[in-house]
Amino acid sequence: MAHTPALLRSAGLRATAQRTAVLEVLTEGRTGEEHLTAAAVAERVRARLGDISTQAVYDCLDAVTRAGLASRIEPAGHPARYEARTGDNHHHLVCRACGLVRDVDCAVGAPPCMTPADDHGFSLETAEVTYWGLCSQCAQASTGDEAGAPAPVPAPVTTERTVR
C-alpha cells in the first residue's frame, strides 16, 4: 500500500518500515472485520519483514493508536485487539465463548449514541459499547451438543458503556 507512509507522515509519525507494515496489516484486516491481537499482528509483520521484536510491534501499535490511525479495544477476559477502523464511533459484538469480535455501527441516534443520566460536566465526544453474547457458531454448538460446546469466557453480564 503505497499511501501508508504518507498516511503515517500526515499523522505526525515517521514512516518506518515497521510502522508501515503494522498499519498495512491492520488496514488489510479491516476488509475482513478482523480485530487482531498484538501476537497476530507480530506474526503477519514478521512474514513481511522478517525479524522484528514483540516490543517493537507493541511500540508501533501504540504509536499508530495514539495518532488515531488505529483503535485498541479490550474486551473483558480477552487480549487487547487492534483495528484500523477509526473515527466513526462504531461498537463491538464479542462472543463470550470463542472471543470472536465483530464491528457494529452506532445503534441509536447520532454519536455518541448514548447519553448518560449525569455527564458530571464532561464534554462528551464518543461512547464505546460492547455487546456480549454468543456468535452464531457457538450458539449453534451450545444448543446442539452440550458436551462439545465451548466453555464460556467470563465477561460482564451487562453491556459495558465507556465514554472516552
C-alpha atoms as a PDB file:
ATOM      1  CA  MET A   1       0.000   0.000   0.000  1.00  0.00           C
ATOM      2  CA  ALA A   2       1.864   2.964  -1.328  1.00  0.00           C
ATOM      3  CA  HIS A   3      -0.168   5.528   0.589  1.00  0.00           C
ATOM      4  CA  THR A   4       0.627   4.105   4.043  1.00  0.00           C
ATOM      5  CA  PRO A   5       3.907   6.047   4.531  1.00  0.00           C
ATOM      6  CA  ALA A   6       2.123   9.277   3.566  1.00  0.00           C
ATOM      7  CA  LEU A   7      -0.681   8.458   5.998  1.00  0.00           C
ATOM      8  CA  LEU A   8       1.833   7.926   8.794  1.00  0.00           C
ATOM      9  CA  ARG A   9       3.611  11.207   7.985  1.00  0.00           C
ATOM     10  CA  SER A  10       0.303  13.107   7.846  1.00  0.00           C
ATOM     11  CA  ALA A  11      -0.376  11.867  11.388  1.00  0.00           C
ATOM     12  CA  GLY A  12       2.990  13.229  12.542  1.00  0.00           C
ATOM     13  CA  LEU A  13       4.779   9.866  12.620  1.00  0.00           C
ATOM     14  CA  ARG A  14       7.978   8.789  10.922  1.00  0.00           C
ATOM     15  CA  ALA A  15       7.180   6.242   8.236  1.00  0.00           C
ATOM     16  CA  THR A  16       9.488   3.440   9.358  1.00  0.00           C
ATOM     17  CA  ALA A  17       9.318   0.019   7.741  1.00  0.00           C
ATOM     18  CA  GLN A  18       7.956  -1.426  10.994  1.00  0.00           C
ATOM     19  CA  ARG A  19       5.173   1.167  11.394  1.00  0.00           C
ATOM     20  CA  THR A  20       4.275   0.873   7.722  1.00  0.00           C
ATOM     21  CA  ALA A  21       3.997  -2.921   7.972  1.00  0.00           C
ATOM     22  CA  VAL A  22       1.942  -2.756  11.197  1.00  0.00           C
ATOM     23  CA  LEU A  23      -0.505  -0.239   9.736  1.00  0.00           C
ATOM     24  CA  GLU A  24      -0.792  -2.209   6.490  1.00  0.00           C
ATOM     25  CA  VAL A  25      -1.564  -5.395   8.425  1.00  0.00           C
ATOM     26  CA  LEU A  26      -4.297  -3.570  10.352  1.00  0.00           C
ATOM     27  CA  THR A  27      -5.687  -1.936   7.221  1.00  0.00           C
ATOM     28  CA  GLU A  28      -5.842  -5.265   5.384  1.00  0.00           C
ATOM     29  CA  GLY A  29      -7.664  -6.718   8.385  1.00  0.00           C
ATOM     30  CA  ARG A  30     -10.335  -4.040   8.016  1.00  0.00           C
ATOM     31  CA  THR A  31     -11.845  -5.771   4.986  1.00  0.00           C
ATOM     32  CA  GLY A  32     -12.387  -8.983   6.942  1.00  0.00           C
ATOM     33  CA  GLU A  33     -13.569  -7.206  10.089  1.00  0.00           C
ATOM     34  CA  GLU A  34     -10.563  -8.610  11.879  1.00  0.00           C
ATOM     35  CA  HIS A  35      -9.660  -7.385  15.314  1.00  0.00           C
ATOM     36  CA  LEU A  36      -6.091  -8.589  15.672  1.00  0.00           C
ATOM     37  CA  THR A  37      -4.177  -9.303  18.843  1.00  0.00           C
ATOM     38  CA  ALA A  38      -0.643  -7.936  19.089  1.00  0.00           C
ATOM     39  CA  ALA A  39       0.614 -11.503  18.618  1.00  0.00           C
ATOM     40  CA  ALA A  40      -1.342 -11.864  15.354  1.00  0.00           C
ATOM     41  CA  VAL A  41      -0.037  -8.506  14.139  1.00  0.00           C
ATOM     42  CA  ALA A  42       3.518  -9.554  15.022  1.00  0.00           C
ATOM     43  CA  GLU A  43       3.150 -12.827  13.121  1.00  0.00           C
ATOM     44  CA  ARG A  44       1.925 -11.064   9.986  1.00  0.00           C
ATOM     45  CA  VAL A  45       4.553  -8.329  10.208  1.00  0.00           C
ATOM     46  CA  ARG A  46       7.300 -10.953  10.591  1.00  0.00           C
ATOM     47  CA  ALA A  47       6.018 -12.651   7.430  1.00  0.00           C
ATOM     48  CA  ARG A  48       6.650  -9.345   5.626  1.00  0.00           C
ATOM     49  CA  LEU A  49       9.790  -8.017   7.260  1.00  0.00           C
ATOM     50  CA  GLY A  50      11.488 -10.981   8.829  1.00  0.00           C
ATOM     51  CA  ASP A  51      12.810 -10.404  12.313  1.00  0.00           C
ATOM     52  CA  ILE A  52      11.014  -7.810  14.456  1.00  0.00           C
ATOM     53  CA  SER A  53      10.776  -7.904  18.223  1.00  0.00           C
ATOM     54  CA  THR A  54       7.468  -8.216  20.005  1.00  0.00           C
ATOM     55  CA  GLN A  55       8.271  -4.979  21.835  1.00  0.00           C
ATOM     56  CA  ALA A  56       8.779  -3.169  18.515  1.00  0.00           C
ATOM     57  CA  VAL A  57       5.341  -4.353  17.384  1.00  0.00           C
ATOM     58  CA  TYR A  58       3.779  -3.095  20.631  1.00  0.00           C
ATOM     59  CA  ASP A  59       5.598   0.234  20.200  1.00  0.00           C
ATOM     60  CA  CYS A  60       4.266   0.569  16.638  1.00  0.00           C
ATOM     61  CA  LEU A  61       0.741  -0.348  17.719  1.00  0.00           C
ATOM     62  CA  ASP A  62       0.923   2.241  20.486  1.00  0.00           C
ATOM     63  CA  ALA A  63       2.173   4.915  18.073  1.00  0.00           C
ATOM     64  CA  VAL A  64      -0.483   4.329  15.398  1.00  0.00           C
ATOM     65  CA  THR A  65      -3.204   4.112  18.057  1.00  0.00           C
ATOM     66  CA  ARG A  66      -2.136   7.373  19.731  1.00  0.00           C
ATOM     67  CA  ALA A  67      -2.013   9.013  16.276  1.00  0.00           C
ATOM     68  CA  GLY A  68      -5.614   7.954  15.618  1.00  0.00           C
ATOM     69  CA  LEU A  69      -4.749   5.605  12.750  1.00  0.00           C
ATOM     70  CA  ALA A  70      -5.846   2.517  14.690  1.00  0.00           C
ATOM     71  CA  SER A  71      -8.104   1.623  17.593  1.00  0.00           C
ATOM     72  CA  ARG A  72      -7.484  -0.655  20.556  1.00  0.00           C
ATOM     73  CA  ILE A  73     -10.319  -2.495  22.216  1.00  0.00           C
ATOM     74  CA  GLU A  74     -10.011  -4.532  25.399  1.00  0.00           C
ATOM     75  CA  PRO A  75     -12.913  -6.937  25.837  1.00  0.00           C
ATOM     76  CA  ALA A  76     -13.022  -8.220  29.421  1.00  0.00           C
ATOM     77  CA  GLY A  77     -11.408 -11.645  29.719  1.00  0.00           C
ATOM     78  CA  HIS A  78      -9.762 -11.390  26.278  1.00  0.00           C
ATOM     79  CA  PRO A  79      -6.481  -9.945  24.991  1.00  0.00           C
ATOM     80  CA  ALA A  80      -6.460  -6.417  23.586  1.00  0.00           C
ATOM     81  CA  ARG A  81      -7.375  -6.241  19.904  1.00  0.00           C
ATOM     82  CA  TYR A  82      -6.393  -3.689  17.267  1.00  0.00           C
ATOM     83  CA  GLU A  83      -8.180  -2.476  14.154  1.00  0.00           C
ATOM     84  CA  ALA A  84      -7.783   0.256  11.550  1.00  0.00           C
ATOM     85  CA  ARG A  85     -11.433   1.331  11.623  1.00  0.00           C
ATOM     86  CA  THR A  86     -11.401   4.682  13.399  1.00  0.00           C
ATOM     87  CA  GLY A  87     -13.342   7.913  13.627  1.00  0.00           C
ATOM     88  CA  ASP A  88     -16.842   6.555  13.140  1.00  0.00           C
ATOM     89  CA  ASN A  89     -17.886   5.725  16.725  1.00  0.00           C
ATOM     90  CA  HIS A  90     -18.715   2.106  15.910  1.00  0.00           C
ATOM     91  CA  HIS A  91     -19.166  -0.519  18.599  1.00  0.00           C
ATOM     92  CA  HIS A  92     -18.376  -4.222  19.014  1.00  0.00           C
ATOM     93  CA  LEU A  93     -20.053  -7.584  19.411  1.00  0.00           C
ATOM     94  CA  VAL A  94     -17.980 -10.098  21.410  1.00  0.00           C
ATOM     95  CA  CYS A  95     -18.678 -13.813  21.663  1.00  0.00           C
ATOM     96  CA  ARG A  96     -18.408 -14.979  25.276  1.00  0.00           C
ATOM     97  CA  ALA A  97     -17.329 -18.467  24.179  1.00  0.00           C
ATOM     98  CA  CYS A  98     -14.787 -18.129  21.354  1.00  0.00           C
ATOM     99  CA  GLY A  99     -13.853 -14.443  21.640  1.00  0.00           C
ATOM    100  CA  LEU A 100     -14.873 -13.513  18.082  1.00  0.00           C
ATOM    101  CA  VAL A 101     -15.178  -9.723  17.739  1.00  0.00           C
ATOM    102  CA  ARG A 102     -17.307  -8.043  15.081  1.00  0.00           C
ATOM    103  CA  ASP A 103     -17.987  -4.385  14.350  1.00  0.00           C
ATOM    104  CA  VAL A 104     -21.488  -2.973  14.689  1.00  0.00           C
ATOM    105  CA  ASP A 105     -22.463   0.534  13.671  1.00  0.00           C
ATOM    106  CA  CYS A 106     -23.895   3.015  16.117  1.00  0.00           C
ATOM    107  CA  ALA A 107     -27.102   1.528  17.475  1.00  0.00           C
ATOM    108  CA  VAL A 108     -29.296   4.545  18.130  1.00  0.00           C
ATOM    109  CA  GLY A 109     -29.106   8.195  17.164  1.00  0.00           C
ATOM    110  CA  ALA A 110     -26.104  10.363  16.424  1.00  0.00           C
ATOM    111  CA  PRO A 111     -22.749   9.807  18.163  1.00  0.00           C
ATOM    112  CA  PRO A 112     -22.059   9.425  20.990  1.00  0.00           C
ATOM    113  CA  CYS A 113     -25.125   7.135  20.666  1.00  0.00           C
ATOM    114  CA  MET A 114     -25.863   7.083  24.354  1.00  0.00           C
ATOM    115  CA  THR A 115     -26.463   9.903  26.760  1.00  0.00           C
ATOM    116  CA  PRO A 116     -25.599   9.296  30.419  1.00  0.00           C
ATOM    117  CA  ALA A 117     -28.116  10.296  33.070  1.00  0.00           C
ATOM    118  CA  ASP A 118     -25.475  12.638  34.528  1.00  0.00           C
ATOM    119  CA  ASP A 119     -22.476  13.750  32.486  1.00  0.00           C
ATOM    120  CA  HIS A 120     -20.783  15.319  35.553  1.00  0.00           C
ATOM    121  CA  GLY A 121     -19.806  18.318  33.450  1.00  0.00           C
ATOM    122  CA  PHE A 122     -17.917  16.310  30.821  1.00  0.00           C
ATOM    123  CA  SER A 123     -17.992  17.413  27.212  1.00  0.00           C
ATOM    124  CA  LEU A 124     -18.811  14.045  25.630  1.00  0.00           C
ATOM    125  CA  GLU A 125     -17.132  13.014  22.391  1.00  0.00           C
ATOM    126  CA  THR A 126     -17.688   9.281  21.900  1.00  0.00           C
ATOM    127  CA  ALA A 127     -19.191   6.235  23.545  1.00  0.00           C
ATOM    128  CA  GLU A 128     -17.807   2.701  23.429  1.00  0.00           C
ATOM    129  CA  VAL A 129     -20.343  -0.076  23.678  1.00  0.00           C
ATOM    130  CA  THR A 130     -19.558  -3.767  23.871  1.00  0.00           C
ATOM    131  CA  TYR A 131     -22.386  -6.189  23.243  1.00  0.00           C
ATOM    132  CA  TRP A 132     -21.774  -9.641  24.776  1.00  0.00           C
ATOM    133  CA  GLY A 133     -23.351 -12.875  23.613  1.00  0.00           C
ATOM    134  CA  LEU A 134     -22.653 -15.951  21.511  1.00  0.00           C
ATOM    135  CA  CYS A 135     -21.703 -15.870  17.838  1.00  0.00           C
ATOM    136  CA  SER A 136     -23.860 -17.986  15.531  1.00  0.00           C
ATOM    137  CA  GLN A 137     -21.424 -20.928  15.560  1.00  0.00           C
ATOM    138  CA  CYS A 138     -21.101 -21.028  19.349  1.00  0.00           C
ATOM    139  CA  ALA A 139     -24.857 -20.591  19.811  1.00  0.00           C
ATOM    140  CA  GLN A 140     -25.471 -23.491  17.436  1.00  0.00           C
ATOM    141  CA  ALA A 141     -22.894 -25.631  19.243  1.00  0.00           C
ATOM    142  CA  SER A 142     -24.436 -24.863  22.642  1.00  0.00           C
ATOM    143  CA  THR A 143     -27.932 -25.874  21.522  1.00  0.00           C
ATOM    144  CA  GLY A 144     -26.766 -28.982  19.674  1.00  0.00           C
ATOM    145  CA  ASP A 145     -24.248 -30.845  21.775  1.00  0.00           C
ATOM    146  CA  GLU A 146     -23.678 -29.503  25.278  1.00  0.00           C
ATOM    147  CA  ALA A 147     -20.602 -31.698  25.755  1.00  0.00           C
ATOM    148  CA  GLY A 148     -18.980 -30.212  22.645  1.00  0.00           C
ATOM    149  CA  ALA A 149     -19.931 -26.625  23.368  1.00  0.00           C
ATOM    150  CA  PRO A 150     -17.097 -24.202  24.056  1.00  0.00           C
ATOM    151  CA  ALA A 151     -16.662 -23.120  27.654  1.00  0.00           C
ATOM    152  CA  PRO A 152     -17.933 -19.570  28.141  1.00  0.00           C
ATOM    153  CA  VAL A 153     -15.324 -16.915  28.891  1.00  0.00           C
ATOM    154  CA  PRO A 154     -16.178 -14.853  31.971  1.00  0.00           C
ATOM    155  CA  ALA A 155     -17.397 -11.409  30.994  1.00  0.00           C
ATOM    156  CA  PRO A 156     -19.659  -8.717  32.382  1.00  0.00           C
ATOM    157  CA  VAL A 157     -23.329  -9.626  32.397  1.00  0.00           C
ATOM    158  CA  THR A 158     -24.408  -6.126  31.436  1.00  0.00           C
ATOM    159  CA  THR A 159     -23.459  -4.091  28.399  1.00  0.00           C
ATOM    160  CA  GLU A 160     -20.329  -2.036  29.004  1.00  0.00           C
ATOM    161  CA  ARG A 161     -20.595   1.659  28.351  1.00  0.00           C
ATOM    162  CA  THR A 162     -17.391   3.629  28.363  1.00  0.00           C
ATOM    163  CA  VAL A 163     -17.117   7.219  27.237  1.00  0.00           C
ATOM    164  CA  ARG A 164     -13.625   8.160  26.167  1.00  0.00           C
END
